[in-house]
Amino acid sequence: MITIYYPPNSHLISTWQDRLNQLAFKYELIQDDAATEPRLQDGEEHTEGIPAIEAHLESLEQFKKDWYDSRCDRYDFEPDAPGYGFTKI
């Protein structure tokens, strides 16, 4: 599960929430009154600061995009085609 701890009045929370909703991963946003910078925990990975969180979300978005680009129904099997008979539709 992805957890983002953020300081009060953080301006990016609604943006991050929208992005996480698009990813369909389980997440939690927790306001931390003692925090000076937002921090993210995703399993064993910990990042701190806006640039690091942005980079992490971008990598998850790319992972999701690559996952859907690799799905089986995007290919057609042609036994005589090069590349083991699979061609992209």
N, C-alpha and C. Protein backbone atom coordinates (compact mmCIF):
# COMPACT_ATOMS: atom_id res chain seq x y z
N MET A 1 0.84 -1.17 0.00
CA MET A 1 0.00 0.00 0.00
C MET A 1 0.89 1.24 0.00
N ILE A 2 0.45 2.24 -0.71
CA ILE A 2 1.17 3.51 -0.79
C ILE A 2 0.60 4.45 0.28
N THR A 3 1.48 5.02 1.06
CA THR A 3 1.06 6.00 2.07
C THR A 3 1.86 7.27 1.86
N ILE A 4 1.15 8.38 1.78
CA ILE A 4 1.81 9.69 1.70
C ILE A 4 1.46 10.46 2.96
N TYR A 5 2.51 10.85 3.68
CA TYR A 5 2.36 11.71 4.86
C TYR A 5 2.69 13.13 4.40
N TYR A 6 1.85 14.07 4.74
CA TYR A 6 2.05 15.42 4.22
C TYR A 6 1.82 16.47 5.30
N PRO A 7 2.53 17.61 5.18
CA PRO A 7 2.34 18.69 6.14
C PRO A 7 1.03 19.42 5.89
N PRO A 8 0.54 20.14 6.88
CA PRO A 8 -0.68 20.93 6.68
C PRO A 8 -0.51 21.91 5.52
N ASN A 9 -1.59 22.20 4.85
CA ASN A 9 -1.62 23.15 3.74
C ASN A 9 -0.77 22.73 2.55
N SER A 10 -0.54 21.44 2.38
CA SER A 10 0.21 20.95 1.22
C SER A 10 -0.67 21.11 -0.02
N HIS A 11 -0.16 21.78 -1.02
CA HIS A 11 -0.95 22.13 -2.20
C HIS A 11 -1.06 21.01 -3.23
N LEU A 12 -0.29 19.95 -3.11
CA LEU A 12 -0.30 18.89 -4.12
C LEU A 12 -1.15 17.68 -3.76
N ILE A 13 -1.76 17.67 -2.61
CA ILE A 13 -2.48 16.48 -2.15
C ILE A 13 -3.62 16.12 -3.09
N SER A 14 -4.41 17.06 -3.53
CA SER A 14 -5.53 16.72 -4.43
C SER A 14 -5.01 16.20 -5.77
N THR A 15 -3.90 16.74 -6.24
CA THR A 15 -3.29 16.25 -7.49
C THR A 15 -2.79 14.82 -7.31
N TRP A 16 -2.09 14.57 -6.21
CA TRP A 16 -1.60 13.22 -5.95
C TRP A 16 -2.75 12.24 -5.78
N GLN A 17 -3.81 12.68 -5.11
CA GLN A 17 -4.97 11.81 -4.92
C GLN A 17 -5.59 11.44 -6.26
N ASP A 18 -5.73 12.40 -7.16
CA ASP A 18 -6.26 12.13 -8.50
C ASP A 18 -5.37 11.12 -9.24
N ARG A 19 -4.07 11.31 -9.16
CA ARG A 19 -3.14 10.41 -9.85
C ARG A 19 -3.21 9.00 -9.27
N LEU A 20 -3.28 8.90 -7.95
CA LEU A 20 -3.37 7.59 -7.32
C LEU A 20 -4.69 6.90 -7.65
N ASN A 21 -5.76 7.67 -7.74
CA ASN A 21 -7.04 7.09 -8.15
C ASN A 21 -6.96 6.52 -9.56
N GLN A 22 -6.26 7.20 -10.45
CA GLN A 22 -6.09 6.73 -11.82
C GLN A 22 -5.26 5.43 -11.86
N LEU A 23 -4.35 5.30 -10.93
CA LEU A 23 -3.49 4.11 -10.90
C LEU A 23 -4.22 2.89 -10.34
N ALA A 24 -5.22 3.11 -9.54
CA ALA A 24 -6.02 2.03 -8.93
C ALA A 24 -5.22 1.18 -7.95
N PHE A 25 -4.19 1.76 -7.34
CA PHE A 25 -3.47 1.10 -6.26
C PHE A 25 -4.09 1.54 -4.94
N LYS A 26 -4.00 0.69 -3.94
CA LYS A 26 -4.48 1.05 -2.62
C LYS A 26 -3.53 2.10 -2.04
N TYR A 27 -4.11 3.16 -1.48
CA TYR A 27 -3.27 4.22 -0.93
C TYR A 27 -3.96 4.87 0.26
N GLU A 28 -3.17 5.65 0.98
CA GLU A 28 -3.67 6.41 2.11
C GLU A 28 -2.92 7.73 2.16
N LEU A 29 -3.63 8.81 2.41
CA LEU A 29 -3.03 10.13 2.57
C LEU A 29 -3.23 10.56 4.02
N ILE A 30 -2.15 10.84 4.71
CA ILE A 30 -2.22 11.16 6.13
C ILE A 30 -1.57 12.51 6.39
N GLN A 31 -2.34 13.41 6.97
CA GLN A 31 -1.77 14.70 7.34
C GLN A 31 -0.92 14.52 8.59
N ASP A 32 0.30 15.02 8.52
CA ASP A 32 1.25 14.94 9.63
C ASP A 32 1.61 16.37 10.02
N ASP A 33 1.04 16.83 11.13
CA ASP A 33 1.23 18.22 11.55
C ASP A 33 2.69 18.55 11.86
N ALA A 34 3.50 17.54 12.19
CA ALA A 34 4.91 17.78 12.51
C ALA A 34 5.80 17.76 11.27
N ALA A 35 5.27 17.34 10.13
CA ALA A 35 6.09 17.20 8.91
C ALA A 35 6.38 18.57 8.30
N THR A 36 7.58 18.69 7.77
CA THR A 36 7.94 19.90 7.02
C THR A 36 7.95 19.62 5.52
N GLU A 37 8.13 18.34 5.17
CA GLU A 37 8.10 17.91 3.77
C GLU A 37 7.23 16.66 3.67
N PRO A 38 6.58 16.48 2.51
CA PRO A 38 5.82 15.23 2.35
C PRO A 38 6.77 14.06 2.19
N ARG A 39 6.31 12.88 2.59
CA ARG A 39 7.09 11.66 2.41
C ARG A 39 6.16 10.54 1.99
N LEU A 40 6.71 9.60 1.25
CA LEU A 40 5.94 8.50 0.69
C LEU A 40 6.54 7.19 1.15
N GLN A 41 5.68 6.25 1.48
CA GLN A 41 6.10 4.89 1.78
C GLN A 41 5.31 3.97 0.87
N ASP A 42 6.03 3.13 0.13
CA ASP A 42 5.42 2.16 -0.77
C ASP A 42 6.11 0.83 -0.53
N GLY A 43 5.54 0.03 0.35
CA GLY A 43 6.20 -1.21 0.74
C GLY A 43 7.50 -0.90 1.44
N GLU A 44 8.60 -1.42 0.91
CA GLU A 44 9.92 -1.19 1.51
C GLU A 44 10.55 0.13 1.05
N GLU A 45 9.96 0.76 0.06
CA GLU A 45 10.55 1.99 -0.50
C GLU A 45 10.03 3.21 0.25
N HIS A 46 10.97 4.09 0.60
CA HIS A 46 10.64 5.34 1.29
C HIS A 46 11.26 6.48 0.51
N THR A 47 10.48 7.51 0.24
CA THR A 47 11.00 8.70 -0.42
C THR A 47 10.52 9.92 0.34
N GLU A 48 11.26 11.00 0.22
CA GLU A 48 10.90 12.23 0.92
C GLU A 48 11.09 13.41 -0.01
N GLY A 49 10.14 14.32 0.02
CA GLY A 49 10.21 15.53 -0.79
C GLY A 49 9.36 15.42 -2.04
N ILE A 50 8.95 16.57 -2.52
CA ILE A 50 8.06 16.63 -3.69
C ILE A 50 8.69 16.01 -4.93
N PRO A 51 9.94 16.34 -5.29
CA PRO A 51 10.52 15.74 -6.50
C PRO A 51 10.59 14.21 -6.43
N ALA A 52 10.93 13.67 -5.26
CA ALA A 52 11.03 12.22 -5.12
C ALA A 52 9.66 11.55 -5.22
N ILE A 53 8.65 12.16 -4.64
CA ILE A 53 7.29 11.61 -4.72
C ILE A 53 6.78 11.69 -6.16
N GLU A 54 7.02 12.81 -6.82
CA GLU A 54 6.62 12.95 -8.22
C GLU A 54 7.28 11.87 -9.08
N ALA A 55 8.57 11.63 -8.86
CA ALA A 55 9.29 10.61 -9.64
C ALA A 55 8.71 9.22 -9.37
N HIS A 56 8.37 8.95 -8.13
CA HIS A 56 7.80 7.64 -7.79
C HIS A 56 6.45 7.45 -8.47
N LEU A 57 5.60 8.47 -8.41
CA LEU A 57 4.29 8.37 -9.06
C LEU A 57 4.44 8.22 -10.58
N GLU A 58 5.39 8.94 -11.17
CA GLU A 58 5.63 8.81 -12.61
C GLU A 58 6.07 7.40 -12.97
N SER A 59 6.90 6.78 -12.12
CA SER A 59 7.33 5.41 -12.41
C SER A 59 6.16 4.44 -12.30
N LEU A 60 5.25 4.67 -11.37
CA LEU A 60 4.06 3.82 -11.26
C LEU A 60 3.14 4.02 -12.46
N GLU A 61 3.01 5.26 -12.92
CA GLU A 61 2.18 5.53 -14.10
C GLU A 61 2.77 4.85 -15.33
N GLN A 62 4.09 4.88 -15.46
CA GLN A 62 4.74 4.22 -16.58
C GLN A 62 4.57 2.71 -16.49
N PHE A 63 4.68 2.16 -15.29
CA PHE A 63 4.47 0.73 -15.08
C PHE A 63 3.06 0.33 -15.53
N LYS A 64 2.06 1.11 -15.15
CA LYS A 64 0.69 0.80 -15.54
C LYS A 64 0.52 0.89 -17.05
N LYS A 65 1.10 1.92 -17.66
CA LYS A 65 1.02 2.07 -19.11
C LYS A 65 1.67 0.89 -19.82
N ASP A 66 2.87 0.51 -19.37
CA ASP A 66 3.57 -0.63 -19.97
C ASP A 66 2.80 -1.93 -19.77
N TRP A 67 2.17 -2.07 -18.62
CA TRP A 67 1.39 -3.27 -18.33
C TRP A 67 0.26 -3.42 -19.35
N TYR A 68 -0.46 -2.33 -19.60
CA TYR A 68 -1.57 -2.40 -20.54
C TYR A 68 -1.10 -2.49 -21.98
N ASP A 69 0.05 -1.93 -22.28
CA ASP A 69 0.59 -2.03 -23.64
C ASP A 69 1.04 -3.44 -23.96
N SER A 70 1.32 -4.25 -22.95
CA SER A 70 1.81 -5.61 -23.16
C SER A 70 0.72 -6.67 -23.12
N ARG A 71 -0.51 -6.28 -23.05
CA ARG A 71 -1.57 -7.28 -22.91
C ARG A 71 -1.70 -8.13 -24.18
N CYS A 72 -2.14 -9.34 -24.02
CA CYS A 72 -2.19 -10.33 -25.09
C CYS A 72 -3.17 -9.99 -26.21
N ASP A 73 -4.24 -9.33 -25.89
CA ASP A 73 -5.25 -9.08 -26.94
C ASP A 73 -4.82 -8.00 -27.94
N ARG A 74 -3.65 -7.44 -27.77
CA ARG A 74 -3.13 -6.46 -28.72
C ARG A 74 -2.33 -7.12 -29.82
N TYR A 75 -2.19 -8.42 -29.77
CA TYR A 75 -1.39 -9.14 -30.75
C TYR A 75 -2.23 -10.20 -31.45
N ASP A 76 -1.86 -10.49 -32.66
CA ASP A 76 -2.54 -11.51 -33.45
C ASP A 76 -1.50 -12.56 -33.82
N PHE A 77 -1.90 -13.80 -33.79
CA PHE A 77 -0.97 -14.88 -34.10
C PHE A 77 -1.07 -15.23 -35.58
N GLU A 78 0.06 -15.12 -36.26
CA GLU A 78 0.17 -15.52 -37.66
C GLU A 78 1.37 -16.44 -37.75
N PRO A 79 1.13 -17.72 -38.00
CA PRO A 79 2.23 -18.70 -37.96
C PRO A 79 3.39 -18.38 -38.90
N ASP A 80 3.15 -17.69 -40.02
CA ASP A 80 4.21 -17.41 -40.97
C ASP A 80 4.89 -16.07 -40.74
N ALA A 81 4.41 -15.29 -39.79
CA ALA A 81 4.99 -13.97 -39.55
C ALA A 81 6.31 -14.10 -38.79
N PRO A 82 7.24 -13.16 -39.04
CA PRO A 82 8.51 -13.19 -38.29
C PRO A 82 8.25 -12.88 -36.81
N GLY A 83 9.17 -13.27 -35.96
CA GLY A 83 9.03 -12.98 -34.54
C GLY A 83 8.08 -13.94 -33.85
N TYR A 84 8.18 -15.20 -34.17
CA TYR A 84 7.38 -16.25 -33.55
C TYR A 84 5.90 -16.15 -33.89
N GLY A 85 5.56 -15.45 -34.93
CA GLY A 85 4.19 -15.42 -35.41
C GLY A 85 3.28 -14.40 -34.78
N PHE A 86 3.81 -13.56 -33.88
CA PHE A 86 2.95 -12.55 -33.25
C PHE A 86 3.15 -11.21 -33.92
N THR A 87 2.07 -10.57 -34.29
CA THR A 87 2.14 -9.23 -34.85
C THR A 87 1.24 -8.33 -34.05
N LYS A 88 1.66 -7.10 -33.88
CA LYS A 88 0.88 -6.12 -33.12
C LYS A 88 -0.30 -5.68 -33.95
N ILE A 89 -1.48 -5.65 -33.34
CA ILE A 89 -2.70 -5.23 -34.02
C ILE A 89 -2.80 -3.72 -33.99
